Amino acid sequence: AKLDRLSRDVAFIANLMVQRVPFIVTELGADVDPFMLHIYAALAEKER
């Protein structure tokens, strides 16, 4: 439902991207690619 249900840690999100399994975050929509998920996680960590 939300990116933070995976993690609020950018390193953890980056590690998940290596798993080569697509992720969908409902609040971000179906078309957000893995690179953008990584960027969102990095921004969220810094903003918090």
All heavy atoms as atom14 arrays in JSON, in Angstrom:
{
  "sequence": "AKLDRLSRDVAFIANLMVQRVPFIVTELGADVDPFMLHIYAALAEKER",
  "atom14_mask": [
    [1, 1, 1, 1, 1, 0, 0, 0, 0, 0, 0, 0, 0, 0],
    [1, 1, 1, 1, 1, 1, 1, 1, 1, 0, 0, 0, 0, 0],
    [1, 1, 1, 1, 1, 1, 1, 1, 0, 0, 0, 0, 0, 0],
    [1, 1, 1, 1, 1, 1, 1, 1, 0, 0, 0, 0, 0, 0],
    [1, 1, 1, 1, 1, 1, 1, 1, 1, 1, 1, 0, 0, 0],
    [1, 1, 1, 1, 1, 1, 1, 1, 0, 0, 0, 0, 0, 0],
    [1, 1, 1, 1, 1, 1, 0, 0, 0, 0, 0, 0, 0, 0],
    [1, 1, 1, 1, 1, 1, 1, 1, 1, 1, 1, 0, 0, 0],
    [1, 1, 1, 1, 1, 1, 1, 1, 0, 0, 0, 0, 0, 0],
    [1, 1, 1, 1, 1, 1, 1, 0, 0, 0, 0, 0, 0, 0],
    [1, 1, 1, 1, 1, 0, 0, 0, 0, 0, 0, 0, 0, 0],
    [1, 1, 1, 1, 1, 1, 1, 1, 1, 1, 1, 0, 0, 0],
    [1, 1, 1, 1, 1, 1, 1, 1, 0, 0, 0, 0, 0, 0],
    [1, 1, 1, 1, 1, 0, 0, 0, 0, 0, 0, 0, 0, 0],
    [1, 1, 1, 1, 1, 1, 1, 1, 0, 0, 0, 0, 0, 0],
    [1, 1, 1, 1, 1, 1, 1, 1, 0, 0, 0, 0, 0, 0],
    [1, 1, 1, 1, 1, 1, 1, 1, 0, 0, 0, 0, 0, 0],
    [1, 1, 1, 1, 1, 1, 1, 0, 0, 0, 0, 0, 0, 0],
    [1, 1, 1, 1, 1, 1, 1, 1, 1, 0, 0, 0, 0, 0],
    [1, 1, 1, 1, 1, 1, 1, 1, 1, 1, 1, 0, 0, 0],
    [1, 1, 1, 1, 1, 1, 1, 0, 0, 0, 0, 0, 0, 0],
    [1, 1, 1, 1, 1, 1, 1, 0, 0, 0, 0, 0, 0, 0],
    [1, 1, 1, 1, 1, 1, 1, 1, 1, 1, 1, 0, 0, 0],
    [1, 1, 1, 1, 1, 1, 1, 1, 0, 0, 0, 0, 0, 0],
    [1, 1, 1, 1, 1, 1, 1, 0, 0, 0, 0, 0, 0, 0],
    [1, 1, 1, 1, 1, 1, 1, 0, 0, 0, 0, 0, 0, 0],
    [1, 1, 1, 1, 1, 1, 1, 1, 1, 0, 0, 0, 0, 0],
    [1, 1, 1, 1, 1, 1, 1, 1, 0, 0, 0, 0, 0, 0],
    [1, 1, 1, 1, 0, 0, 0, 0, 0, 0, 0, 0, 0, 0],
    [1, 1, 1, 1, 1, 0, 0, 0, 0, 0, 0, 0, 0, 0],
    [1, 1, 1, 1, 1, 1, 1, 1, 0, 0, 0, 0, 0, 0],
    [1, 1, 1, 1, 1, 1, 1, 0, 0, 0, 0, 0, 0, 0],
    [1, 1, 1, 1, 1, 1, 1, 1, 0, 0, 0, 0, 0, 0],
    [1, 1, 1, 1, 1, 1, 1, 0, 0, 0, 0, 0, 0, 0],
    [1, 1, 1, 1, 1, 1, 1, 1, 1, 1, 1, 0, 0, 0],
    [1, 1, 1, 1, 1, 1, 1, 1, 0, 0, 0, 0, 0, 0],
    [1, 1, 1, 1, 1, 1, 1, 1, 0, 0, 0, 0, 0, 0],
    [1, 1, 1, 1, 1, 1, 1, 1, 1, 1, 0, 0, 0, 0],
    [1, 1, 1, 1, 1, 1, 1, 1, 0, 0, 0, 0, 0, 0],
    [1, 1, 1, 1, 1, 1, 1, 1, 1, 1, 1, 1, 0, 0],
    [1, 1, 1, 1, 1, 0, 0, 0, 0, 0, 0, 0, 0, 0],
    [1, 1, 1, 1, 1, 0, 0, 0, 0, 0, 0, 0, 0, 0],
    [1, 1, 1, 1, 1, 1, 1, 1, 0, 0, 0, 0, 0, 0],
    [1, 1, 1, 1, 1, 0, 0, 0, 0, 0, 0, 0, 0, 0],
    [1, 1, 1, 1, 1, 1, 1, 1, 1, 0, 0, 0, 0, 0],
    [1, 1, 1, 1, 1, 1, 1, 1, 1, 0, 0, 0, 0, 0],
    [1, 1, 1, 1, 1, 1, 1, 1, 1, 0, 0, 0, 0, 0],
    [1, 1, 1, 1, 1, 1, 1, 1, 1, 1, 1, 0, 0, 0]
  ],
  "atom14_positions": [
    [[0.82, -1.21, 0.0], [0.0, 0.0, 0.0], [0.86, 1.26, 0.0], [0.54, 2.24, -0.66], [-0.94, 0.0, 1.2], [0.0, 0.0, 0.0], [0.0, 0.0, 0.0], [0.0, 0.0, 0.0], [0.0, 0.0, 0.0], [0.0, 0.0, 0.0], [0.0, 0.0, 0.0], [0.0, 0.0, 0.0], [0.0, 0.0, 0.0], [0.0, 0.0, 0.0]],
    [[1.96, 1.23, 0.77], [2.85, 2.39, 0.88], [4.29, 1.91, 0.82], [4.6, 0.79, 1.21], [2.6, 3.13, 2.2], [1.22, 3.73, 2.35], [1.03, 4.33, 3.75], [2.02, 5.43, 4.0], [1.8, 6.08, 5.33], [0.0, 0.0, 0.0], [0.0, 0.0, 0.0], [0.0, 0.0, 0.0], [0.0, 0.0, 0.0], [0.0, 0.0, 0.0]],
    [[5.17, 2.79, 0.35], [6.57, 2.41, 0.23], [7.17, 2.03, 1.57], [8.0, 1.11, 1.66], [7.36, 3.57, -0.39], [8.84, 3.3, -0.69], [8.99, 2.14, -1.65], [9.5, 4.56, -1.26], [0.0, 0.0, 0.0], [0.0, 0.0, 0.0], [0.0, 0.0, 0.0], [0.0, 0.0, 0.0], [0.0, 0.0, 0.0], [0.0, 0.0, 0.0]],
    [[6.75, 2.7, 2.65], [7.35, 2.39, 3.96], [6.91, 1.04, 4.51], [7.43, 0.59, 5.53], [7.08, 3.51, 4.97], [5.61, 3.68, 5.31], [4.78, 2.85, 4.9], [5.29, 4.66, 6.01], [0.0, 0.0, 0.0], [0.0, 0.0, 0.0], [0.0, 0.0, 0.0], [0.0, 0.0, 0.0], [0.0, 0.0, 0.0], [0.0, 0.0, 0.0]],
    [[5.94, 0.36, 3.87], [5.61, -1.0, 4.28], [6.69, -1.98, 3.82], [6.82, -3.06, 4.38], [4.24, -1.42, 3.73], [3.05, -0.64, 4.3], [3.04, -0.64, 5.83], [3.89, 0.4, 6.39], [4.33, 0.38, 7.64], [4.02, -0.61, 8.46], [5.08, 1.36, 8.09], [0.0, 0.0, 0.0], [0.0, 0.0, 0.0], [0.0, 0.0, 0.0]],
    [[7.46, -1.59, 2.81], [8.66, -2.34, 2.47], [9.76, -1.95, 3.44], [10.31, -2.78, 4.15], [9.09, -2.04, 1.04], [8.2, -2.62, -0.07], [8.69, -2.14, -1.42], [8.18, -4.14, -0.02], [0.0, 0.0, 0.0], [0.0, 0.0, 0.0], [0.0, 0.0, 0.0], [0.0, 0.0, 0.0], [0.0, 0.0, 0.0], [0.0, 0.0, 0.0]],
    [[10.05, -0.66, 3.48], [11.06, -0.16, 4.42], [11.13, 1.35, 4.3], [10.7, 1.94, 3.31], [12.44, -0.75, 4.11], [13.42, -0.24, 4.99], [0.0, 0.0, 0.0], [0.0, 0.0, 0.0], [0.0, 0.0, 0.0], [0.0, 0.0, 0.0], [0.0, 0.0, 0.0], [0.0, 0.0, 0.0], [0.0, 0.0, 0.0], [0.0, 0.0, 0.0]],
    [[11.68, 2.0, 5.34], [12.0, 3.42, 5.3], [13.49, 3.63, 5.12], [13.99, 4.75, 5.26], [11.52, 4.1, 6.58], [10.01, 4.05, 6.74], [9.57, 4.69, 8.02], [8.12, 4.69, 8.14], [7.44, 5.18, 9.17], [8.1, 5.73, 10.17], [6.13, 5.13, 9.21], [0.0, 0.0, 0.0], [0.0, 0.0, 0.0], [0.0, 0.0, 0.0]],
    [[14.2, 2.55, 4.82], [15.66, 2.6, 4.7], [16.04, 2.46, 3.23], [15.7, 1.47, 2.58], [16.28, 1.48, 5.54], [17.8, 1.54, 5.52], [18.36, 2.22, 6.38], [18.4, 0.91, 4.62], [0.0, 0.0, 0.0], [0.0, 0.0, 0.0], [0.0, 0.0, 0.0], [0.0, 0.0, 0.0], [0.0, 0.0, 0.0], [0.0, 0.0, 0.0]],
    [[16.77, 3.43, 2.71], [17.09, 3.43, 1.29], [17.98, 2.25, 0.92], [17.84, 1.67, -0.18], [17.75, 4.77, 0.89], [19.09, 4.97, 1.57], [17.89, 4.85, -0.63], [0.0, 0.0, 0.0], [0.0, 0.0, 0.0], [0.0, 0.0, 0.0], [0.0, 0.0, 0.0], [0.0, 0.0, 0.0], [0.0, 0.0, 0.0], [0.0, 0.0, 0.0]],
    [[18.88, 1.84, 1.82], [19.75, 0.71, 1.52], [18.94, -0.58, 1.4], [19.22, -1.43, 0.54], [20.82, 0.56, 2.6], [0.0, 0.0, 0.0], [0.0, 0.0, 0.0], [0.0, 0.0, 0.0], [0.0, 0.0, 0.0], [0.0, 0.0, 0.0], [0.0, 0.0, 0.0], [0.0, 0.0, 0.0], [0.0, 0.0, 0.0], [0.0, 0.0, 0.0]],
    [[17.93, -0.72, 2.24], [17.07, -1.9, 2.18], [16.31, -1.94, 0.86], [16.2, -2.97, 0.2], [16.1, -1.89, 3.35], [15.24, -3.12, 3.44], [15.67, -4.25, 4.11], [13.99, -3.15, 2.86], [14.89, -5.39, 4.19], [13.19, -4.28, 2.93], [13.65, -5.4, 3.6], [0.0, 0.0, 0.0], [0.0, 0.0, 0.0], [0.0, 0.0, 0.0]],
    [[15.75, -0.79, 0.45], [15.02, -0.72, -0.82], [15.94, -1.06, -1.98], [15.57, -1.79, -2.9], [14.41, 0.68, -1.02], [13.36, 0.97, 0.06], [13.79, 0.81, -2.4], [12.14, 0.1, 0.02], [0.0, 0.0, 0.0], [0.0, 0.0, 0.0], [0.0, 0.0, 0.0], [0.0, 0.0, 0.0], [0.0, 0.0, 0.0], [0.0, 0.0, 0.0]],
    [[17.17, -0.55, -1.93], [18.13, -0.84, -2.99], [18.41, -2.34, -3.06], [18.52, -2.92, -4.16], [19.42, -0.07, -2.75], [0.0, 0.0, 0.0], [0.0, 0.0, 0.0], [0.0, 0.0, 0.0], [0.0, 0.0, 0.0], [0.0, 0.0, 0.0], [0.0, 0.0, 0.0], [0.0, 0.0, 0.0], [0.0, 0.0, 0.0], [0.0, 0.0, 0.0]],
    [[18.51, -2.98, -1.89], [18.74, -4.42, -1.86], [17.57, -5.18, -2.46], [17.75, -6.2, -3.15], [18.98, -4.88, -0.42], [19.33, -6.36, -0.34], [20.18, -6.86, -1.08], [18.67, -7.07, 0.56], [0.0, 0.0, 0.0], [0.0, 0.0, 0.0], [0.0, 0.0, 0.0], [0.0, 0.0, 0.0], [0.0, 0.0, 0.0], [0.0, 0.0, 0.0]],
    [[16.35, -4.7, -2.22], [15.18, -5.36, -2.8], [15.19, -5.26, -4.33], [14.74, -6.18, -5.02], [13.9, -4.73, -2.26], [13.53, -5.06, -0.82], [12.22, -4.37, -0.44], [13.4, -6.56, -0.61], [0.0, 0.0, 0.0], [0.0, 0.0, 0.0], [0.0, 0.0, 0.0], [0.0, 0.0, 0.0], [0.0, 0.0, 0.0], [0.0, 0.0, 0.0]],
    [[15.68, -4.15, -4.85], [15.71, -4.0, -6.31], [16.6, -5.05, -6.96], [16.38, -5.45, -8.1], [16.22, -2.6, -6.67], [15.34, -1.44, -6.18], [13.63, -1.51, -6.76], [12.77, -2.15, -5.29], [0.0, 0.0, 0.0], [0.0, 0.0, 0.0], [0.0, 0.0, 0.0], [0.0, 0.0, 0.0], [0.0, 0.0, 0.0], [0.0, 0.0, 0.0]],
    [[17.61, -5.52, -6.22], [18.52, -6.54, -6.74], [17.82, -7.88, -6.9], [18.26, -8.74, -7.67], [19.75, -6.68, -5.81], [20.7, -7.76, -6.29], [20.49, -5.36, -5.72], [0.0, 0.0, 0.0], [0.0, 0.0, 0.0], [0.0, 0.0, 0.0], [0.0, 0.0, 0.0], [0.0, 0.0, 0.0], [0.0, 0.0, 0.0], [0.0, 0.0, 0.0]],
    [[16.71, -8.08, -6.18], [15.99, -9.35, -6.23], [15.32, -9.59, -7.58], [14.85, -10.68, -7.85], [14.92, -9.39, -5.12], [15.43, -9.12, -3.72], [16.4, -10.19, -3.25], [16.2, -11.37, -3.51], [17.44, -9.77, -2.54], [0.0, 0.0, 0.0], [0.0, 0.0, 0.0], [0.0, 0.0, 0.0], [0.0, 0.0, 0.0], [0.0, 0.0, 0.0]],
    [[15.25, -8.58, -8.4], [14.66, -8.68, -9.74], [13.21, -9.16, -9.7], [12.76, -9.94, -10.54], [15.5, -9.59, -10.64], [16.91, -9.07, -10.86], [17.67, -9.86, -11.91], [19.01, -9.34, -12.09], [19.32, -8.29, -12.83], [18.36, -7.64, -13.46], [20.57, -7.89, -12.96], [0.0, 0.0, 0.0], [0.0, 0.0, 0.0], [0.0, 0.0, 0.0]],
    [[12.51, -8.69, -8.71], [11.06, -8.91, -8.61], [10.41, -7.53, -8.68], [10.79, -6.64, -7.93], [10.69, -9.62, -7.29], [9.18, -9.64, -7.11], [11.24, -11.04, -7.29], [0.0, 0.0, 0.0], [0.0, 0.0, 0.0], [0.0, 0.0, 0.0], [0.0, 0.0, 0.0], [0.0, 0.0, 0.0], [0.0, 0.0, 0.0], [0.0, 0.0, 0.0]],
    [[9.46, -7.35, -9.56], [8.82, -6.02, -9.64], [8.0, -5.72, -8.39], [7.4, -6.61, -7.8], [7.92, -6.13, -10.88], [7.71, -7.59, -11.08], [8.94, -8.28, -10.57], [0.0, 0.0, 0.0], [0.0, 0.0, 0.0], [0.0, 0.0, 0.0], [0.0, 0.0, 0.0], [0.0, 0.0, 0.0], [0.0, 0.0, 0.0], [0.0, 0.0, 0.0]],
    [[8.02, -4.45, -8.0], [7.24, -3.99, -6.85], [6.24, -2.94, -7.33], [6.56, -2.12, -8.19], [8.14, -3.4, -5.77], [8.94, -4.41, -5.03], [10.2, -4.79, -5.47], [8.43, -5.01, -3.88], [10.94, -5.73, -4.79], [9.17, -5.95, -3.19], [10.42, -6.32, -3.64], [0.0, 0.0, 0.0], [0.0, 0.0, 0.0], [0.0, 0.0, 0.0]],
    [[5.05, -2.98, -6.75], [4.04, -1.97, -7.03], [3.65, -1.33, -5.71], [3.34, -2.02, -4.74], [2.78, -2.58, -7.69], [3.13, -3.16, -9.07], [1.69, -1.52, -7.83], [1.96, -3.88, -9.73], [0.0, 0.0, 0.0], [0.0, 0.0, 0.0], [0.0, 0.0, 0.0], [0.0, 0.0, 0.0], [0.0, 0.0, 0.0], [0.0, 0.0, 0.0]],
    [[3.68, 0.0, -5.66], [3.24, 0.76, -4.5], [1.95, 1.45, -4.91], [1.97, 2.3, -5.81], [4.3, 1.78, -4.06], [3.81, 2.56, -2.84], [5.62, 1.07, -3.75], [0.0, 0.0, 0.0], [0.0, 0.0, 0.0], [0.0, 0.0, 0.0], [0.0, 0.0, 0.0], [0.0, 0.0, 0.0], [0.0, 0.0, 0.0], [0.0, 0.0, 0.0]],
    [[0.84, 1.11, -4.27], [-0.45, 1.59, -4.75], [-0.53, 3.11, -4.79], [-1.11, 3.69, -5.71], [-1.6, 1.05, -3.88], [-1.5, 1.58, -2.55], [-1.57, -0.46, -3.83], [0.0, 0.0, 0.0], [0.0, 0.0, 0.0], [0.0, 0.0, 0.0], [0.0, 0.0, 0.0], [0.0, 0.0, 0.0], [0.0, 0.0, 0.0], [0.0, 0.0, 0.0]],
    [[0.09, 3.8, -3.81], [0.0, 5.25, -3.76], [0.84, 5.94, -4.82], [0.65, 7.12, -5.11], [0.4, 5.77, -2.37], [-0.64, 5.47, -1.31], [-0.35, 6.15, 0.01], [0.84, 6.41, 0.28], [-1.28, 6.43, 0.76], [0.0, 0.0, 0.0], [0.0, 0.0, 0.0], [0.0, 0.0, 0.0], [0.0, 0.0, 0.0], [0.0, 0.0, 0.0]],
    [[1.76, 5.19, -5.42], [2.59, 5.77, -6.47], [2.11, 5.4, -7.86], [2.52, 6.01, -8.85], [4.05, 5.31, -6.3], [4.75, 5.73, -5.01], [6.16, 5.17, -4.97], [4.78, 7.24, -4.88], [0.0, 0.0, 0.0], [0.0, 0.0, 0.0], [0.0, 0.0, 0.0], [0.0, 0.0, 0.0], [0.0, 0.0, 0.0], [0.0, 0.0, 0.0]],
    [[1.25, 4.38, -7.95], [0.74, 3.98, -9.25], [1.48, 2.78, -9.81], [2.52, 2.36, -9.31], [0.0, 0.0, 0.0], [0.0, 0.0, 0.0], [0.0, 0.0, 0.0], [0.0, 0.0, 0.0], [0.0, 0.0, 0.0], [0.0, 0.0, 0.0], [0.0, 0.0, 0.0], [0.0, 0.0, 0.0], [0.0, 0.0, 0.0], [0.0, 0.0, 0.0]],
    [[0.93, 2.23, -10.89], [1.44, 0.98, -11.46], [2.66, 1.19, -12.36], [3.35, 0.22, -12.69], [0.33, 0.28, -12.25], [0.0, 0.0, 0.0], [0.0, 0.0, 0.0], [0.0, 0.0, 0.0], [0.0, 0.0, 0.0], [0.0, 0.0, 0.0], [0.0, 0.0, 0.0], [0.0, 0.0, 0.0], [0.0, 0.0, 0.0], [0.0, 0.0, 0.0]],
    [[2.94, 2.41, -12.75], [3.97, 2.65, -13.77], [5.3, 3.15, -13.22], [6.18, 3.52, -13.99], [3.46, 3.66, -14.8], [2.2, 3.17, -15.51], [2.11, 1.95, -15.74], [1.33, 4.0, -15.81], [0.0, 0.0, 0.0], [0.0, 0.0, 0.0], [0.0, 0.0, 0.0], [0.0, 0.0, 0.0], [0.0, 0.0, 0.0], [0.0, 0.0, 0.0]],
    [[5.45, 3.16, -11.9], [6.71, 3.63, -11.3], [7.76, 2.52, -11.4], [7.55, 1.42, -10.9], [6.5, 4.05, -9.83], [7.83, 4.47, -9.22], [5.5, 5.19, -9.76], [0.0, 0.0, 0.0], [0.0, 0.0, 0.0], [0.0, 0.0, 0.0], [0.0, 0.0, 0.0], [0.0, 0.0, 0.0], [0.0, 0.0, 0.0], [0.0, 0.0, 0.0]],
    [[8.88, 2.83, -12.04], [9.9, 1.79, -12.23], [10.81, 1.67, -11.01], [10.78, 2.52, -10.12], [10.72, 2.07, -13.5], [11.46, 3.4, -13.46], [11.84, 3.82, -12.35], [11.67, 4.0, -14.52], [0.0, 0.0, 0.0], [0.0, 0.0, 0.0], [0.0, 0.0, 0.0], [0.0, 0.0, 0.0], [0.0, 0.0, 0.0], [0.0, 0.0, 0.0]],
    [[11.62, 0.6, -10.94], [12.48, 0.38, -9.76], [13.41, 1.55, -9.47], [13.67, 1.86, -8.31], [13.27, -0.88, -10.15], [12.38, -1.6, -11.1], [11.68, -0.53, -11.88], [0.0, 0.0, 0.0], [0.0, 0.0, 0.0], [0.0, 0.0, 0.0], [0.0, 0.0, 0.0], [0.0, 0.0, 0.0], [0.0, 0.0, 0.0], [0.0, 0.0, 0.0]],
    [[13.93, 2.19, -10.49], [14.82, 3.33, -10.26], [14.12, 4.43, -9.49], [14.67, 5.01, -8.56], [15.33, 3.86, -11.6], [16.17, 5.11, -11.47], [17.47, 5.04, -11.02], [15.64, 6.35, -11.79], [18.24, 6.18, -10.89], [16.39, 7.5, -11.66], [17.7, 7.42, -11.21], [0.0, 0.0, 0.0], [0.0, 0.0, 0.0], [0.0, 0.0, 0.0]],
    [[12.87, 4.72, -9.87], [12.13, 5.77, -9.19], [11.79, 5.38, -7.75], [11.77, 6.23, -6.86], [10.86, 6.1, -9.96], [11.12, 6.82, -11.28], [12.14, 8.32, -11.07], [11.13, 9.29, -9.95], [0.0, 0.0, 0.0], [0.0, 0.0, 0.0], [0.0, 0.0, 0.0], [0.0, 0.0, 0.0], [0.0, 0.0, 0.0], [0.0, 0.0, 0.0]],
    [[11.52, 4.1, -7.52], [11.28, 3.65, -6.14], [12.51, 3.92, -5.28], [12.4, 4.34, -4.13], [10.95, 2.16, -6.11], [9.58, 1.74, -6.64], [9.42, 0.23, -6.52], [8.45, 2.44, -5.89], [0.0, 0.0, 0.0], [0.0, 0.0, 0.0], [0.0, 0.0, 0.0], [0.0, 0.0, 0.0], [0.0, 0.0, 0.0], [0.0, 0.0, 0.0]],
    [[13.68, 3.68, -5.85], [14.93, 3.95, -5.13], [15.06, 5.44, -4.83], [15.43, 5.84, -3.72], [16.1, 3.46, -5.99], [17.39, 3.37, -5.24], [18.52, 2.79, -5.76], [17.74, 3.79, -3.99], [19.5, 2.86, -4.88], [19.06, 3.46, -3.81], [0.0, 0.0, 0.0], [0.0, 0.0, 0.0], [0.0, 0.0, 0.0], [0.0, 0.0, 0.0]],
    [[14.74, 6.27, -5.8], [14.82, 7.71, -5.61], [13.84, 8.18, -4.54], [14.18, 8.98, -3.66], [14.55, 8.45, -6.94], [15.65, 8.14, -7.96], [14.43, 9.95, -6.71], [17.03, 8.57, -7.55], [0.0, 0.0, 0.0], [0.0, 0.0, 0.0], [0.0, 0.0, 0.0], [0.0, 0.0, 0.0], [0.0, 0.0, 0.0], [0.0, 0.0, 0.0]],
    [[12.59, 7.68, -4.6], [11.6, 8.05, -3.6], [12.07, 7.67, -2.2], [11.88, 8.43, -1.23], [10.27, 7.36, -3.89], [9.45, 8.01, -4.98], [8.89, 7.24, -5.99], [9.24, 9.38, -5.01], [8.14, 7.81, -7.01], [8.49, 9.97, -6.02], [7.94, 9.18, -7.02], [7.2, 9.76, -8.01], [0.0, 0.0, 0.0], [0.0, 0.0, 0.0]],
    [[12.66, 6.48, -2.07], [13.14, 6.04, -0.76], [14.25, 6.94, -0.25], [14.29, 7.3, 0.93], [13.63, 4.59, -0.85], [0.0, 0.0, 0.0], [0.0, 0.0, 0.0], [0.0, 0.0, 0.0], [0.0, 0.0, 0.0], [0.0, 0.0, 0.0], [0.0, 0.0, 0.0], [0.0, 0.0, 0.0], [0.0, 0.0, 0.0], [0.0, 0.0, 0.0]],
    [[15.18, 7.32, -1.14], [16.28, 8.19, -0.73], [15.76, 9.55, -0.29], [16.2, 10.11, 0.72], [17.27, 8.34, -1.9], [0.0, 0.0, 0.0], [0.0, 0.0, 0.0], [0.0, 0.0, 0.0], [0.0, 0.0, 0.0], [0.0, 0.0, 0.0], [0.0, 0.0, 0.0], [0.0, 0.0, 0.0], [0.0, 0.0, 0.0], [0.0, 0.0, 0.0]],
    [[14.82, 10.1, -1.04], [14.24, 11.39, -0.68], [13.51, 11.32, 0.65], [13.63, 12.2, 1.5], [13.29, 11.85, -1.78], [13.94, 12.3, -3.1], [12.87, 12.55, -4.16], [14.78, 13.55, -2.88], [0.0, 0.0, 0.0], [0.0, 0.0, 0.0], [0.0, 0.0, 0.0], [0.0, 0.0, 0.0], [0.0, 0.0, 0.0], [0.0, 0.0, 0.0]],
    [[12.73, 10.25, 0.83], [11.97, 10.1, 2.06], [12.88, 10.02, 3.28], [12.61, 10.62, 4.32], [11.08, 8.87, 1.99], [0.0, 0.0, 0.0], [0.0, 0.0, 0.0], [0.0, 0.0, 0.0], [0.0, 0.0, 0.0], [0.0, 0.0, 0.0], [0.0, 0.0, 0.0], [0.0, 0.0, 0.0], [0.0, 0.0, 0.0], [0.0, 0.0, 0.0]],
    [[13.98, 9.26, 3.14], [14.91, 9.11, 4.26], [15.52, 10.46, 4.64], [15.6, 10.82, 5.82], [16.0, 8.11, 3.88], [16.96, 7.78, 5.0], [17.95, 6.71, 4.6], [17.59, 5.51, 4.64], [19.08, 7.06, 4.22], [0.0, 0.0, 0.0], [0.0, 0.0, 0.0], [0.0, 0.0, 0.0], [0.0, 0.0, 0.0], [0.0, 0.0, 0.0]],
    [[15.93, 11.23, 3.64], [16.54, 12.53, 3.9], [15.53, 13.53, 4.46], [15.81, 14.26, 5.41], [17.14, 13.09, 2.6], [17.88, 14.41, 2.77], [19.08, 14.26, 3.68], [19.9, 15.55, 3.74], [21.04, 15.41, 4.67], [0.0, 0.0, 0.0], [0.0, 0.0, 0.0], [0.0, 0.0, 0.0], [0.0, 0.0, 0.0], [0.0, 0.0, 0.0]],
    [[14.32, 13.54, 3.88], [13.29, 14.48, 4.32], [12.89, 14.22, 5.76], [12.73, 15.16, 6.55], [12.07, 14.37, 3.4], [12.32, 14.97, 2.02], [11.36, 14.45, 0.98], [10.46, 13.65, 1.34], [11.5, 14.8, -0.2], [0.0, 0.0, 0.0], [0.0, 0.0, 0.0], [0.0, 0.0, 0.0], [0.0, 0.0, 0.0], [0.0, 0.0, 0.0]],
    [[12.75, 12.94, 6.13], [12.36, 12.62, 7.51], [13.41, 13.12, 8.49], [13.09, 13.65, 9.55], [12.16, 11.1, 7.67], [10.81, 10.6, 7.23], [10.58, 9.18, 7.71], [11.67, 8.3, 7.3], [11.71, 7.68, 6.12], [10.76, 7.87, 5.26], [12.72, 6.87, 5.82], [0.0, 0.0, 0.0], [0.0, 0.0, 0.0], [0.0, 0.0, 0.0]]
  ]
}
